[in-house]
């Protein structure tokens, strides 16, 4: 979720470049996290783009983390 906040609108989140950029563990762990975040309405998905649902939460996460 922090990586999505920093990107604003995150694309190709399971790509090796994205995973390496944000020091994530693996594509499968990203997919698991995305499923849970989508299920709990914390993020939204449009095509292959992901963003945090709440603008203020997104801004806060992008600056604090």
PDB file of N, CA and C in Angstrom:
ATOM      1  N   UNK A   1       0.826  -1.183   0.000  1.00  0.00           N
ATOM      2  CA  UNK A   1       0.000   0.000   0.000  1.00  0.00           C
ATOM      3  C   UNK A   1       0.876   1.255   0.000  1.00  0.00           C
ATOM      4  N   UNK A   2       2.005   1.182   0.679  1.00  0.00           N
ATOM      5  CA  UNK A   2       2.930   2.321   0.685  1.00  0.00           C
ATOM      6  C   UNK A   2       3.461   2.594  -0.714  1.00  0.00           C
ATOM      7  N   UNK A   3       3.767   1.547  -1.447  1.00  0.00           N
ATOM      8  CA  UNK A   3       4.278   1.708  -2.806  1.00  0.00           C
ATOM      9  C   UNK A   3       3.231   2.348  -3.705  1.00  0.00           C
ATOM     10  N   UNK A   4       1.998   1.942  -3.556  1.00  0.00           N
ATOM     11  CA  UNK A   4       0.911   2.531  -4.344  1.00  0.00           C
ATOM     12  C   UNK A   4       0.752   4.000  -3.977  1.00  0.00           C
ATOM     13  N   UNK A   5       0.853   4.315  -2.702  1.00  0.00           N
ATOM     14  CA  UNK A   5       0.736   5.707  -2.262  1.00  0.00           C
ATOM     15  C   UNK A   5       1.839   6.559  -2.876  1.00  0.00           C
ATOM     16  N   UNK A   6       3.050   6.051  -2.886  1.00  0.00           N
ATOM     17  CA  UNK A   6       4.173   6.808  -3.449  1.00  0.00           C
ATOM     18  C   UNK A   6       4.031   7.002  -4.958  1.00  0.00           C
ATOM     19  N   UNK A   7       3.453   6.022  -5.634  1.00  0.00           N
ATOM     20  CA  UNK A   7       3.262   6.121  -7.075  1.00  0.00           C
ATOM     21  C   UNK A   7       2.080   7.021  -7.431  1.00  0.00           C
ATOM     22  N   UNK A   8       1.105   7.100  -6.560  1.00  0.00           N
ATOM     23  CA  UNK A   8      -0.126   7.826  -6.876  1.00  0.00           C
ATOM     24  C   UNK A   8      -1.074   6.909  -7.621  1.00  0.00           C
ATOM     25  N   UNK A   9      -0.718   6.579  -8.843  1.00  0.00           N
ATOM     26  CA  UNK A   9      -1.412   5.551  -9.619  1.00  0.00           C
ATOM     27  C   UNK A   9      -0.347   4.541 -10.014  1.00  0.00           C
ATOM     28  N   UNK A  10      -0.441   3.359  -9.453  1.00  0.00           N
ATOM     29  CA  UNK A  10       0.576   2.327  -9.663  1.00  0.00           C
ATOM     30  C   UNK A  10       0.185   1.427 -10.828  1.00  0.00           C
ATOM     31  N   UNK A  11       1.163   1.166 -11.676  1.00  0.00           N
ATOM     32  CA  UNK A  11       0.967   0.281 -12.831  1.00  0.00           C
ATOM     33  C   UNK A  11       1.974  -0.854 -12.751  1.00  0.00           C
ATOM     34  N   UNK A  12       1.616  -1.973 -13.314  1.00  0.00           N
ATOM     35  CA  UNK A  12       2.515  -3.132 -13.379  1.00  0.00           C
ATOM     36  C   UNK A  12       3.126  -3.458 -12.019  1.00  0.00           C
ATOM     37  N   UNK A  13       2.288  -3.616 -11.035  1.00  0.00           N
ATOM     38  CA  UNK A  13       2.766  -3.787  -9.670  1.00  0.00           C
ATOM     39  C   UNK A  13       3.426  -5.138  -9.403  1.00  0.00           C
ATOM     40  N   UNK A  14       3.222  -6.096 -10.292  1.00  0.00           N
ATOM     41  CA  UNK A  14       3.889  -7.383 -10.113  1.00  0.00           C
ATOM     42  C   UNK A  14       5.132  -7.515 -10.981  1.00  0.00           C
ATOM     43  N   UNK A  15       5.485  -6.454 -11.675  1.00  0.00           N
ATOM     44  CA  UNK A  15       6.691  -6.468 -12.515  1.00  0.00           C
ATOM     45  C   UNK A  15       7.934  -6.399 -11.632  1.00  0.00           C
ATOM     46  N   UNK A  16       8.999  -7.006 -12.099  1.00  0.00           N
ATOM     47  CA  UNK A  16      10.252  -7.048 -11.341  1.00  0.00           C
ATOM     48  C   UNK A  16      10.769  -5.646 -11.023  1.00  0.00           C
ATOM     49  N   UNK A  17      10.612  -4.719 -11.948  1.00  0.00           N
ATOM     50  CA  UNK A  17      11.083  -3.346 -11.737  1.00  0.00           C
ATOM     51  C   UNK A  17      10.365  -2.692 -10.554  1.00  0.00           C
ATOM     52  N   UNK A  18       9.049  -2.843 -10.485  1.00  0.00           N
ATOM     53  CA  UNK A  18       8.256  -2.280  -9.392  1.00  0.00           C
ATOM     54  C   UNK A  18       8.630  -2.939  -8.070  1.00  0.00           C
ATOM     55  N   UNK A  19       8.747  -4.239  -8.067  1.00  0.00           N
ATOM     56  CA  UNK A  19       9.080  -4.997  -6.858  1.00  0.00           C
ATOM     57  C   UNK A  19      10.446  -4.588  -6.330  1.00  0.00           C
ATOM     58  N   UNK A  20      11.407  -4.447  -7.217  1.00  0.00           N
ATOM     59  CA  UNK A  20      12.755  -4.049  -6.812  1.00  0.00           C
ATOM     60  C   UNK A  20      12.777  -2.602  -6.316  1.00  0.00           C
ATOM     61  N   UNK A  21      12.072  -1.720  -7.008  1.00  0.00           N
ATOM     62  CA  UNK A  21      12.042  -0.302  -6.645  1.00  0.00           C
ATOM     63  C   UNK A  21      11.564  -0.088  -5.212  1.00  0.00           C
ATOM     64  N   UNK A  22      10.577  -0.871  -4.787  1.00  0.00           N
ATOM     65  CA  UNK A  22       9.997  -0.703  -3.456  1.00  0.00           C
ATOM     66  C   UNK A  22      10.413  -1.802  -2.483  1.00  0.00           C
ATOM     67  N   UNK A  23      11.416  -2.582  -2.861  1.00  0.00           N
ATOM     68  CA  UNK A  23      11.980  -3.614  -1.992  1.00  0.00           C
ATOM     69  C   UNK A  23      10.905  -4.577  -1.473  1.00  0.00           C
ATOM     70  N   UNK A  24      10.042  -5.021  -2.370  1.00  0.00           N
ATOM     71  CA  UNK A  24       8.995  -5.970  -2.022  1.00  0.00           C
ATOM     72  C   UNK A  24       9.551  -7.387  -2.149  1.00  0.00           C
ATOM     73  N   UNK A  25       8.878  -8.361  -1.568  1.00  0.00           N
ATOM     74  CA  UNK A  25       9.441  -9.714  -1.536  1.00  0.00           C
ATOM     75  C   UNK A  25       9.276 -10.487  -2.837  1.00  0.00           C
ATOM     76  N   UNK A  26       8.066 -10.533  -3.375  1.00  0.00           N
ATOM     77  CA  UNK A  26       7.837 -11.299  -4.599  1.00  0.00           C
ATOM     78  C   UNK A  26       6.523 -10.881  -5.257  1.00  0.00           C
ATOM     79  N   UNK A  27       6.357 -11.277  -6.500  1.00  0.00           N
ATOM     80  CA  UNK A  27       5.127 -10.970  -7.230  1.00  0.00           C
ATOM     81  C   UNK A  27       3.929 -11.646  -6.570  1.00  0.00           C
ATOM     82  N   UNK A  28       4.118 -12.856  -6.067  1.00  0.00           N
ATOM     83  CA  UNK A  28       2.995 -13.561  -5.440  1.00  0.00           C
ATOM     84  C   UNK A  28       2.557 -12.884  -4.144  1.00  0.00           C
ATOM     85  N   UNK A  29       3.499 -12.351  -3.381  1.00  0.00           N
ATOM     86  CA  UNK A  29       3.116 -11.644  -2.150  1.00  0.00           C
ATOM     87  C   UNK A  29       2.408 -10.335  -2.487  1.00  0.00           C
ATOM     88  N   UNK A  30       2.808  -9.684  -3.568  1.00  0.00           N
ATOM     89  CA  UNK A  30       2.138  -8.463  -4.013  1.00  0.00           C
ATOM     90  C   UNK A  30       0.705  -8.796  -4.422  1.00  0.00           C
ATOM     91  N   UNK A  31       0.526  -9.882  -5.169  1.00  0.00           N
ATOM     92  CA  UNK A  31      -0.815 -10.287  -5.598  1.00  0.00           C
ATOM     93  C   UNK A  31      -1.710 -10.599  -4.403  1.00  0.00           C
ATOM     94  N   UNK A  32      -1.173 -11.278  -3.409  1.00  0.00           N
ATOM     95  CA  UNK A  32      -1.953 -11.598  -2.205  1.00  0.00           C
ATOM     96  C   UNK A  32      -2.373 -10.331  -1.478  1.00  0.00           C
ATOM     97  N   UNK A  33      -1.446  -9.395  -1.343  1.00  0.00           N
ATOM     98  CA  UNK A  33      -1.748  -8.131  -0.667  1.00  0.00           C
ATOM     99  C   UNK A  33      -2.794  -7.337  -1.446  1.00  0.00           C
ATOM    100  N   UNK A  34      -2.665  -7.315  -2.761  1.00  0.00           N
ATOM    101  CA  UNK A  34      -3.609  -6.574  -3.605  1.00  0.00           C
ATOM    102  C   UNK A  34      -5.017  -7.141  -3.462  1.00  0.00           C
ATOM    103  N   UNK A  35      -5.135  -8.451  -3.456  1.00  0.00           N
ATOM    104  CA  UNK A  35      -6.455  -9.074  -3.290  1.00  0.00           C
ATOM    105  C   UNK A  35      -7.105  -8.639  -1.989  1.00  0.00           C
ATOM    106  N   UNK A  36      -6.339  -8.637  -0.917  1.00  0.00           N
ATOM    107  CA  UNK A  36      -6.868  -8.251   0.385  1.00  0.00           C
ATOM    108  C   UNK A  36      -7.226  -6.766   0.422  1.00  0.00           C
ATOM    109  N   UNK A  37      -6.378  -5.918  -0.147  1.00  0.00           N
ATOM    110  CA  UNK A  37      -6.651  -4.482  -0.164  1.00  0.00           C
ATOM    111  C   UNK A  37      -7.882  -4.157  -1.006  1.00  0.00           C
ATOM    112  N   UNK A  38      -8.051  -4.848  -2.120  1.00  0.00           N
ATOM    113  CA  UNK A  38      -9.238  -4.658  -2.955  1.00  0.00           C
ATOM    114  C   UNK A  38     -10.494  -5.135  -2.226  1.00  0.00           C
ATOM    115  N   UNK A  39     -10.395  -6.283  -1.581  1.00  0.00           N
ATOM    116  CA  UNK A  39     -11.531  -6.846  -0.856  1.00  0.00           C
ATOM    117  C   UNK A  39     -12.007  -5.902   0.248  1.00  0.00           C
ATOM    118  N   UNK A  40     -11.070  -5.232   0.903  1.00  0.00           N
ATOM    119  CA  UNK A  40     -11.405  -4.323   2.000  1.00  0.00           C
ATOM    120  C   UNK A  40     -11.615  -2.884   1.539  1.00  0.00           C
ATOM    121  N   UNK A  41     -11.714  -2.688   0.227  1.00  0.00           N
ATOM    122  CA  UNK A  41     -11.975  -1.370  -0.371  1.00  0.00           C
ATOM    123  C   UNK A  41     -10.968  -0.296   0.046  1.00  0.00           C
ATOM    124  N   UNK A  42      -9.727  -0.688   0.263  1.00  0.00           N
ATOM    125  CA  UNK A  42      -8.687   0.287   0.580  1.00  0.00           C
ATOM    126  C   UNK A  42      -8.044   0.845  -0.679  1.00  0.00           C
ATOM    127  N   UNK A  43      -8.066   0.041  -1.748  1.00  0.00           N
ATOM    128  CA  UNK A  43      -7.550   0.494  -3.036  1.00  0.00           C
ATOM    129  C   UNK A  43      -8.588   0.212  -4.111  1.00  0.00           C
ATOM    130  N   UNK A  44      -8.412   0.881  -5.255  1.00  0.00           N
ATOM    131  CA  UNK A  44      -9.276   0.625  -6.401  1.00  0.00           C
ATOM    132  C   UNK A  44      -8.427   0.192  -7.576  1.00  0.00           C
ATOM    133  N   UNK A  45      -9.051  -0.520  -8.497  1.00  0.00           N
ATOM    134  CA  UNK A  45      -8.364  -0.993  -9.693  1.00  0.00           C
ATOM    135  C   UNK A  45      -9.150  -0.570 -10.920  1.00  0.00           C
ATOM    136  N   UNK A  46      -8.448  -0.017 -11.880  1.00  0.00           N
ATOM    137  CA  UNK A  46      -9.019   0.330 -13.163  1.00  0.00           C
ATOM    138  C   UNK A  46      -8.024  -0.112 -14.220  1.00  0.00           C
ATOM    139  N   UNK A  47      -8.432  -1.062 -15.038  1.00  0.00           N
ATOM    140  CA  UNK A  47      -7.516  -1.720 -15.982  1.00  0.00           C
ATOM    141  C   UNK A  47      -6.365  -2.322 -15.181  1.00  0.00           C
ATOM    142  N   UNK A  48      -5.152  -1.885 -15.424  1.00  0.00           N
ATOM    143  CA  UNK A  48      -3.991  -2.399 -14.693  1.00  0.00           C
ATOM    144  C   UNK A  48      -3.427  -1.308 -13.778  1.00  0.00           C
ATOM    145  N   UNK A  49      -4.262  -0.362 -13.395  1.00  0.00           N
ATOM    146  CA  UNK A  49      -3.848   0.745 -12.548  1.00  0.00           C
ATOM    147  C   UNK A  49      -4.478   0.607 -11.168  1.00  0.00           C
ATOM    148  N   UNK A  50      -3.677   0.857 -10.149  1.00  0.00           N
ATOM    149  CA  UNK A  50      -4.150   0.760  -8.773  1.00  0.00           C
ATOM    150  C   UNK A  50      -3.904   2.084  -8.069  1.00  0.00           C
ATOM    151  N   UNK A  51      -4.855   2.474  -7.227  1.00  0.00           N
ATOM    152  CA  UNK A  51      -4.668   3.678  -6.413  1.00  0.00           C
ATOM    153  C   UNK A  51      -5.394   3.494  -5.094  1.00  0.00           C
ATOM    154  N   UNK A  52      -4.986   4.264  -4.107  1.00  0.00           N
ATOM    155  CA  UNK A  52      -5.618   4.202  -2.796  1.00  0.00           C
ATOM    156  C   UNK A  52      -6.949   4.952  -2.867  1.00  0.00           C
ATOM    157  N   UNK A  53      -7.969   4.339  -2.328  1.00  0.00           N
ATOM    158  CA  UNK A  53      -9.328   4.875  -2.378  1.00  0.00           C
ATOM    159  C   UNK A  53      -9.427   6.253  -1.729  1.00  0.00           C
ATOM    160  N   UNK A  54      -8.855   6.402  -0.548  1.00  0.00           N
ATOM    161  CA  UNK A  54      -8.960   7.641   0.229  1.00  0.00           C
ATOM    162  C   UNK A  54      -7.793   8.567  -0.114  1.00  0.00           C
ATOM    163  N   UNK A  55      -8.090   9.709  -0.701  1.00  0.00           N
ATOM    164  CA  UNK A  55      -7.060  10.650  -1.139  1.00  0.00           C
ATOM    165  C   UNK A  55      -6.164  11.096   0.011  1.00  0.00           C
ATOM    166  N   UNK A  56      -6.757  11.428   1.153  1.00  0.00           N
ATOM    167  CA  UNK A  56      -5.982  11.934   2.279  1.00  0.00           C
ATOM    168  C   UNK A  56      -5.079  10.854   2.871  1.00  0.00           C
ATOM    169  N   UNK A  57      -5.567   9.637   2.939  1.00  0.00           N
ATOM    170  CA  UNK A  57      -4.734   8.520   3.391  1.00  0.00           C
ATOM    171  C   UNK A  57      -3.564   8.327   2.438  1.00  0.00           C
ATOM    172  N   UNK A  58      -3.824   8.405   1.162  1.00  0.00           N
ATOM    173  CA  UNK A  58      -2.779   8.255   0.151  1.00  0.00           C
ATOM    174  C   UNK A  58      -1.703   9.327   0.302  1.00  0.00           C
ATOM    175  N   UNK A  59      -2.119  10.572   0.461  1.00  0.00           N
ATOM    176  CA  UNK A  59      -1.168  11.680   0.626  1.00  0.00           C
ATOM    177  C   UNK A  59      -0.352  11.524   1.899  1.00  0.00           C
ATOM    178  N   UNK A  60      -1.022  11.124   2.966  1.00  0.00           N
ATOM    179  CA  UNK A  60      -0.323  10.933   4.235  1.00  0.00           C
ATOM    180  C   UNK A  60       0.712   9.819   4.117  1.00  0.00           C
ATOM    181  N   UNK A  61       0.333   8.703   3.539  1.00  0.00           N
ATOM    182  CA  UNK A  61       1.258   7.586   3.394  1.00  0.00           C
ATOM    183  C   UNK A  61       2.435   7.935   2.494  1.00  0.00           C
ATOM    184  N   UNK A  62       2.183   8.689   1.458  1.00  0.00           N
ATOM    185  CA  UNK A  62       3.241   9.063   0.522  1.00  0.00           C
ATOM    186  C   UNK A  62       4.271   9.974   1.184  1.00  0.00           C
ATOM    187  N   UNK A  63       3.843  10.786   2.126  1.00  0.00           N
ATOM    188  CA  UNK A  63       4.786  11.706   2.765  1.00  0.00           C
ATOM    189  C   UNK A  63       5.431  11.147   4.025  1.00  0.00           C
ATOM    190  N   UNK A  64       4.695  10.353   4.789  1.00  0.00           N
ATOM    191  CA  UNK A  64       5.219   9.825   6.047  1.00  0.00           C
ATOM    192  C   UNK A  64       6.138   8.623   5.841  1.00  0.00           C
ATOM    193  N   UNK A  65       5.788   7.767   4.910  1.00  0.00           N
ATOM    194  CA  UNK A  65       6.594   6.561   4.697  1.00  0.00           C
ATOM    195  C   UNK A  65       7.497   6.777   3.556  1.00  0.00           C
TER     196      UNK A  65
END
